Amino acid sequence: MLHDEAALDLVRGALLVTLKISGPILAAGVVVGLVISVVQAVTSIQDQALSFVPKIAAMLLVSMALLGWIVERLVAFTASMFTLTI
């Protein structure tokens, strides 16, 4: 039973790190998508590329801006994996 709990803790930690890293990037995509949707509703422009391209650009910019923080979180998680004793 001890190994099962350790494996669950490992997976839980990996999922939490994934959520922490992807959260700001996805939030930027959602915010830009909502703004573009409101603009499209007001102007009656219904072009798919108009919403897709700005979302990708915003997510890319947020990813580049947070690259140092993302690498820091991944290095900390990796270091904790190497020091893990079961």
N, C-alpha and C. Protein backbone atom coordinates (compact mmCIF):
# COMPACT_ATOMS: atom_id res chain seq x y z
N MET A 1 0.82 -1.20 0.00
CA MET A 1 0.00 0.00 0.00
C MET A 1 0.86 1.26 0.00
N LEU A 2 2.06 1.16 0.57
CA LEU A 2 2.94 2.32 0.65
C LEU A 2 3.38 2.78 -0.74
N HIS A 3 3.67 1.83 -1.62
CA HIS A 3 4.12 2.18 -2.97
C HIS A 3 2.98 2.78 -3.80
N ASP A 4 1.76 2.32 -3.56
CA ASP A 4 0.62 2.89 -4.27
C ASP A 4 0.42 4.35 -3.90
N GLU A 5 0.55 4.68 -2.64
CA GLU A 5 0.40 6.07 -2.20
C GLU A 5 1.52 6.94 -2.75
N ALA A 6 2.74 6.40 -2.80
CA ALA A 6 3.86 7.16 -3.35
C ALA A 6 3.65 7.42 -4.84
N ALA A 7 3.15 6.43 -5.55
CA ALA A 7 2.88 6.62 -6.98
C ALA A 7 1.78 7.65 -7.20
N LEU A 8 0.75 7.62 -6.36
CA LEU A 8 -0.32 8.61 -6.47
C LEU A 8 0.20 10.01 -6.15
N ASP A 9 1.07 10.13 -5.17
CA ASP A 9 1.66 11.43 -4.86
C ASP A 9 2.51 11.95 -6.01
N LEU A 10 3.24 11.05 -6.66
CA LEU A 10 4.04 11.43 -7.82
C LEU A 10 3.17 11.97 -8.95
N VAL A 11 2.11 11.25 -9.26
CA VAL A 11 1.21 11.66 -10.34
C VAL A 11 0.50 12.96 -9.96
N ARG A 12 0.08 13.07 -8.70
CA ARG A 12 -0.59 14.29 -8.24
C ARG A 12 0.34 15.50 -8.38
N GLY A 13 1.60 15.33 -8.00
CA GLY A 13 2.57 16.41 -8.12
C GLY A 13 2.81 16.80 -9.57
N ALA A 14 2.90 15.81 -10.44
CA ALA A 14 3.11 16.09 -11.86
C ALA A 14 1.92 16.84 -12.46
N LEU A 15 0.71 16.44 -12.09
CA LEU A 15 -0.47 17.12 -12.60
C LEU A 15 -0.57 18.55 -12.07
N LEU A 16 -0.21 18.76 -10.82
CA LEU A 16 -0.25 20.11 -10.26
C LEU A 16 0.76 21.03 -10.94
N VAL A 17 1.95 20.52 -11.21
CA VAL A 17 2.95 21.32 -11.92
C VAL A 17 2.45 21.64 -13.32
N THR A 18 1.83 20.68 -13.97
CA THR A 18 1.29 20.91 -15.32
C THR A 18 0.21 21.98 -15.30
N LEU A 19 -0.67 21.92 -14.31
CA LEU A 19 -1.73 22.93 -14.21
C LEU A 19 -1.17 24.31 -13.90
N LYS A 20 -0.18 24.38 -13.04
CA LYS A 20 0.43 25.67 -12.70
C LYS A 20 1.12 26.29 -13.91
N ILE A 21 1.75 25.45 -14.72
CA ILE A 21 2.47 25.96 -15.89
C ILE A 21 1.49 26.36 -17.00
N SER A 22 0.49 25.54 -17.25
CA SER A 22 -0.41 25.81 -18.37
C SER A 22 -1.51 26.80 -18.03
N GLY A 23 -1.77 27.03 -16.76
CA GLY A 23 -2.85 27.92 -16.35
C GLY A 23 -2.77 29.33 -16.92
N PRO A 24 -1.65 30.04 -16.72
CA PRO A 24 -1.57 31.40 -17.26
C PRO A 24 -1.64 31.46 -18.79
N ILE A 25 -1.08 30.47 -19.44
CA ILE A 25 -1.10 30.45 -20.90
C ILE A 25 -2.53 30.25 -21.41
N LEU A 26 -3.24 29.32 -20.80
CA LEU A 26 -4.63 29.08 -21.21
C LEU A 26 -5.52 30.26 -20.84
N ALA A 27 -5.25 30.90 -19.70
CA ALA A 27 -6.05 32.06 -19.30
C ALA A 27 -5.89 33.20 -20.30
N ALA A 28 -4.68 33.39 -20.81
CA ALA A 28 -4.47 34.43 -21.82
C ALA A 28 -5.27 34.11 -23.08
N GLY A 29 -5.29 32.86 -23.48
CA GLY A 29 -6.07 32.46 -24.66
C GLY A 29 -7.56 32.67 -24.46
N VAL A 30 -8.05 32.38 -23.26
CA VAL A 30 -9.48 32.56 -22.97
C VAL A 30 -9.85 34.04 -22.98
N VAL A 31 -9.02 34.87 -22.35
CA VAL A 31 -9.31 36.31 -22.29
C VAL A 31 -9.31 36.92 -23.69
N VAL A 32 -8.30 36.60 -24.48
CA VAL A 32 -8.24 37.13 -25.84
C VAL A 32 -9.41 36.60 -26.67
N GLY A 33 -9.76 35.35 -26.49
CA GLY A 33 -10.90 34.78 -27.21
C GLY A 33 -12.20 35.47 -26.86
N LEU A 34 -12.40 35.79 -25.58
CA LEU A 34 -13.61 36.50 -25.18
C LEU A 34 -13.67 37.90 -25.77
N VAL A 35 -12.53 38.59 -25.75
CA VAL A 35 -12.50 39.95 -26.32
C VAL A 35 -12.79 39.90 -27.82
N ILE A 36 -12.18 38.98 -28.51
CA ILE A 36 -12.41 38.86 -29.96
C ILE A 36 -13.86 38.48 -30.23
N SER A 37 -14.44 37.61 -29.42
CA SER A 37 -15.85 37.23 -29.61
C SER A 37 -16.78 38.41 -29.43
N VAL A 38 -16.50 39.26 -28.44
CA VAL A 38 -17.33 40.44 -28.23
C VAL A 38 -17.18 41.39 -29.42
N VAL A 39 -15.96 41.59 -29.89
CA VAL A 39 -15.74 42.46 -31.06
C VAL A 39 -16.46 41.89 -32.28
N GLN A 40 -16.41 40.58 -32.47
CA GLN A 40 -17.09 39.97 -33.61
C GLN A 40 -18.60 40.11 -33.50
N ALA A 41 -19.13 40.00 -32.28
CA ALA A 41 -20.57 40.13 -32.10
C ALA A 41 -21.02 41.57 -32.37
N VAL A 42 -20.22 42.53 -31.95
CA VAL A 42 -20.58 43.94 -32.15
C VAL A 42 -20.49 44.33 -33.62
N THR A 43 -19.46 43.85 -34.31
CA THR A 43 -19.25 44.26 -35.70
C THR A 43 -19.86 43.30 -36.72
N SER A 44 -20.42 42.20 -36.27
CA SER A 44 -21.03 41.17 -37.13
C SER A 44 -20.05 40.57 -38.12
N ILE A 45 -18.78 40.52 -37.74
CA ILE A 45 -17.76 39.85 -38.55
C ILE A 45 -17.64 38.42 -38.04
N GLN A 46 -17.82 37.44 -38.89
CA GLN A 46 -17.79 36.04 -38.48
C GLN A 46 -16.69 35.29 -39.22
N ASP A 47 -15.46 35.68 -39.00
CA ASP A 47 -14.33 35.02 -39.65
C ASP A 47 -13.60 34.18 -38.61
N GLN A 48 -13.36 32.90 -38.92
CA GLN A 48 -12.71 32.00 -37.97
C GLN A 48 -11.26 32.37 -37.71
N ALA A 49 -10.57 32.80 -38.73
CA ALA A 49 -9.15 33.16 -38.57
C ALA A 49 -8.98 34.39 -37.70
N LEU A 50 -9.99 35.22 -37.65
CA LEU A 50 -9.92 36.43 -36.84
C LEU A 50 -9.83 36.09 -35.35
N SER A 51 -10.42 35.01 -34.92
CA SER A 51 -10.34 34.64 -33.51
C SER A 51 -9.16 33.71 -33.23
N PHE A 52 -8.75 32.93 -34.20
CA PHE A 52 -7.71 31.93 -33.99
C PHE A 52 -6.32 32.55 -33.89
N VAL A 53 -5.99 33.43 -34.80
CA VAL A 53 -4.64 34.00 -34.88
C VAL A 53 -4.30 34.85 -33.65
N PRO A 54 -5.16 35.74 -33.17
CA PRO A 54 -4.80 36.50 -31.97
C PRO A 54 -4.66 35.63 -30.72
N LYS A 55 -5.46 34.58 -30.61
CA LYS A 55 -5.33 33.68 -29.45
C LYS A 55 -3.98 32.99 -29.45
N ILE A 56 -3.56 32.49 -30.59
CA ILE A 56 -2.26 31.84 -30.70
C ILE A 56 -1.14 32.82 -30.40
N ALA A 57 -1.26 34.04 -30.92
CA ALA A 57 -0.22 35.05 -30.68
C ALA A 57 -0.14 35.41 -29.21
N ALA A 58 -1.28 35.59 -28.55
CA ALA A 58 -1.28 35.93 -27.13
C ALA A 58 -0.70 34.81 -26.29
N MET A 59 -1.05 33.58 -26.61
CA MET A 59 -0.53 32.44 -25.86
C MET A 59 0.97 32.30 -26.07
N LEU A 60 1.44 32.57 -27.26
CA LEU A 60 2.87 32.52 -27.54
C LEU A 60 3.61 33.62 -26.77
N LEU A 61 3.05 34.83 -26.75
CA LEU A 61 3.68 35.93 -26.01
C LEU A 61 3.73 35.65 -24.51
N VAL A 62 2.65 35.11 -23.95
CA VAL A 62 2.64 34.78 -22.53
C VAL A 62 3.65 33.66 -22.25
N SER A 63 3.75 32.69 -23.15
CA SER A 63 4.72 31.61 -22.97
C SER A 63 6.14 32.14 -22.95
N MET A 64 6.45 33.06 -23.85
CA MET A 64 7.79 33.64 -23.89
C MET A 64 8.06 34.50 -22.66
N ALA A 65 7.05 35.24 -22.21
CA ALA A 65 7.22 36.11 -21.05
C ALA A 65 7.43 35.30 -19.77
N LEU A 66 6.80 34.14 -19.69
CA LEU A 66 6.89 33.31 -18.48
C LEU A 66 7.89 32.17 -18.61
N LEU A 67 8.72 32.19 -19.63
CA LEU A 67 9.64 31.08 -19.87
C LEU A 67 10.57 30.83 -18.69
N GLY A 68 11.11 31.87 -18.10
CA GLY A 68 11.99 31.70 -16.94
C GLY A 68 11.28 31.05 -15.77
N TRP A 69 10.05 31.50 -15.50
CA TRP A 69 9.26 30.93 -14.41
C TRP A 69 8.90 29.47 -14.68
N ILE A 70 8.57 29.16 -15.94
CA ILE A 70 8.23 27.79 -16.31
C ILE A 70 9.42 26.87 -16.12
N VAL A 71 10.59 27.30 -16.58
CA VAL A 71 11.80 26.49 -16.44
C VAL A 71 12.14 26.29 -14.97
N GLU A 72 11.96 27.33 -14.16
CA GLU A 72 12.23 27.22 -12.73
C GLU A 72 11.33 26.18 -12.07
N ARG A 73 10.05 26.18 -12.42
CA ARG A 73 9.12 25.18 -11.86
C ARG A 73 9.48 23.77 -12.32
N LEU A 74 9.84 23.62 -13.59
CA LEU A 74 10.19 22.29 -14.10
C LEU A 74 11.48 21.77 -13.46
N VAL A 75 12.46 22.64 -13.26
CA VAL A 75 13.71 22.23 -12.64
C VAL A 75 13.47 21.82 -11.19
N ALA A 76 12.64 22.59 -10.48
CA ALA A 76 12.33 22.25 -9.09
C ALA A 76 11.61 20.91 -9.01
N PHE A 77 10.67 20.66 -9.92
CA PHE A 77 9.96 19.38 -9.91
C PHE A 77 10.90 18.23 -10.25
N THR A 78 11.77 18.45 -11.23
CA THR A 78 12.73 17.41 -11.61
C THR A 78 13.68 17.10 -10.46
N ALA A 79 14.15 18.13 -9.78
CA ALA A 79 15.04 17.92 -8.64
C ALA A 79 14.33 17.15 -7.53
N SER A 80 13.06 17.44 -7.32
CA SER A 80 12.33 16.69 -6.30
C SER A 80 12.12 15.24 -6.71
N MET A 81 12.03 14.97 -8.00
CA MET A 81 11.90 13.59 -8.46
C MET A 81 13.19 12.80 -8.24
N PHE A 82 14.34 13.45 -8.43
CA PHE A 82 15.61 12.76 -8.25
C PHE A 82 15.95 12.54 -6.79
N THR A 83 15.41 13.36 -5.89
CA THR A 83 15.69 13.18 -4.46
C THR A 83 14.62 12.36 -3.78
N LEU A 84 13.67 11.85 -4.53
CA LEU A 84 12.57 11.07 -3.98
C LEU A 84 13.07 9.69 -3.52
N THR A 85 12.69 9.31 -2.31
CA THR A 85 13.02 7.99 -1.81
C THR A 85 11.73 7.26 -1.46
N ILE A 86 11.63 6.07 -1.93
CA ILE A 86 10.41 5.28 -1.69
C ILE A 86 10.70 4.23 -0.64
